[in-house]
């Protein structure tokens, strides 16, 4: 399936992350801290800057806000991480954890 909007979404994510305009909700900060590979917010921004179309998994509508949420998985430091984000005037990271973790609630 062709996703004509995906290059635009990735361009915006890359732009915001490279400018440090990323906000992590508390759940994502806890998940980031719990990663075995020891990433911090700056590392997570580097991950966002390097996301590619091949990392895209799905686009969902947030049950809480009605906004599009974009889900990616990408290898980082020997593990595959799951990233869920929303684009606003900044990039809001909803989830950031190892992929094999079951379930992910809509924040």
Protein backbone atom coordinates (compact mmCIF):
# COMPACT_ATOMS: atom_id res chain seq x y z
CA UNK A 1 0.00 0.00 0.00
CA UNK A 2 1.38 3.41 -0.99
CA UNK A 3 1.48 5.96 1.81
CA UNK A 4 1.85 9.31 0.05
CA UNK A 5 1.80 11.17 3.37
CA UNK A 6 4.68 9.17 4.95
CA UNK A 7 7.63 11.11 3.43
CA UNK A 8 6.08 14.36 4.67
CA UNK A 9 5.55 12.92 8.16
CA UNK A 10 9.13 11.66 8.32
CA UNK A 11 10.49 14.99 7.07
CA UNK A 12 8.61 16.78 9.86
CA UNK A 13 9.76 14.27 12.51
CA UNK A 14 13.37 14.64 11.33
CA UNK A 15 13.14 18.43 11.35
CA UNK A 16 11.60 18.66 14.83
CA UNK A 17 13.93 16.07 16.35
CA UNK A 18 17.04 17.70 14.88
CA UNK A 19 15.91 21.00 16.43
CA UNK A 20 15.27 19.30 19.78
CA UNK A 21 11.57 20.11 19.55
CA UNK A 22 10.51 16.79 21.04
CA UNK A 23 8.36 16.34 24.12
CA UNK A 24 8.23 13.02 25.94
CA UNK A 25 5.16 12.18 27.98
CA UNK A 26 5.90 10.64 31.38
CA UNK A 27 5.15 7.10 30.19
CA UNK A 28 7.68 7.44 27.36
CA UNK A 29 10.32 8.81 29.75
CA UNK A 30 9.83 5.82 32.06
CA UNK A 31 10.08 3.45 29.09
CA UNK A 32 13.18 5.20 27.79
CA UNK A 33 14.88 4.92 31.19
CA UNK A 34 13.99 1.22 31.38
CA UNK A 35 15.69 0.32 28.08
CA UNK A 36 18.61 -2.09 28.53
CA UNK A 37 20.67 -0.06 26.07
CA UNK A 38 20.56 3.04 28.27
CA UNK A 39 19.15 5.82 26.08
CA UNK A 40 18.38 9.35 27.21
CA UNK A 41 16.20 12.03 25.57
CA UNK A 42 19.04 13.23 23.35
CA UNK A 43 19.68 9.67 22.16
CA UNK A 44 15.97 9.27 21.47
CA UNK A 45 16.04 12.43 19.32
CA UNK A 46 18.89 10.86 17.29
CA UNK A 47 16.71 7.77 16.82
CA UNK A 48 13.84 9.96 15.58
CA UNK A 49 16.12 11.80 13.15
CA UNK A 50 17.20 8.47 11.66
CA UNK A 51 13.73 6.93 11.21
CA UNK A 52 13.11 5.70 7.68
CA UNK A 53 10.04 4.70 5.68
CA UNK A 54 11.04 1.07 6.19
CA UNK A 55 10.66 1.58 9.98
CA UNK A 56 7.00 2.56 9.66
CA UNK A 57 4.49 0.09 11.15
CA UNK A 58 1.09 1.78 11.26
CA UNK A 59 -0.90 4.96 11.69
CA UNK A 60 -3.62 5.02 14.37
CA UNK A 61 -6.14 7.55 15.61
CA UNK A 62 -5.70 8.46 19.27
CA UNK A 63 -8.73 7.50 21.32
CA UNK A 64 -8.08 10.46 23.61
CA UNK A 65 -7.38 13.28 21.16
CA UNK A 66 -8.49 12.08 17.72
CA UNK A 67 -5.02 12.89 16.35
CA UNK A 68 -2.97 10.63 14.11
CA UNK A 69 -0.36 8.58 15.96
CA UNK A 70 2.52 7.14 13.98
CA UNK A 71 4.15 3.87 15.02
CA UNK A 72 7.69 2.86 14.06
CA UNK A 73 10.06 0.06 15.00
CA UNK A 74 13.78 0.46 14.44
CA UNK A 75 16.95 -1.30 15.55
CA UNK A 76 19.00 0.61 18.12
CA UNK A 77 22.07 -0.75 19.87
CA UNK A 78 21.21 -4.37 19.17
CA UNK A 79 17.53 -4.17 20.16
CA UNK A 80 14.45 -3.20 18.21
CA UNK A 81 12.62 -0.26 19.75
CA UNK A 82 8.96 0.66 19.34
CA UNK A 83 8.23 4.38 18.96
CA UNK A 84 4.76 5.93 18.90
CA UNK A 85 4.46 9.67 18.29
CA UNK A 86 2.07 12.49 17.45
CA UNK A 87 3.01 15.55 15.40
CA UNK A 88 1.84 18.92 16.65
CA UNK A 89 3.87 22.13 16.76
CA UNK A 90 6.45 19.80 18.28
CA UNK A 91 6.91 16.03 18.16
CA UNK A 92 5.25 14.31 21.09
CA UNK A 93 6.63 10.89 21.91
CA UNK A 94 3.96 8.69 23.42
CA UNK A 95 5.86 5.40 23.71
CA UNK A 96 9.49 4.42 23.38
CA UNK A 97 10.29 0.88 24.45
CA UNK A 98 11.66 -2.46 23.33
CA UNK A 99 9.43 -3.99 20.68
CA UNK A 100 8.71 -7.30 22.37
CA UNK A 101 6.89 -5.65 25.26
CA UNK A 102 3.21 -6.62 25.04
CA UNK A 103 0.40 -4.08 24.68
CA UNK A 104 0.67 -0.34 24.53
CA UNK A 105 -2.05 1.87 25.90
CA UNK A 106 -3.15 5.01 24.06
CA UNK A 107 -1.89 7.94 26.18
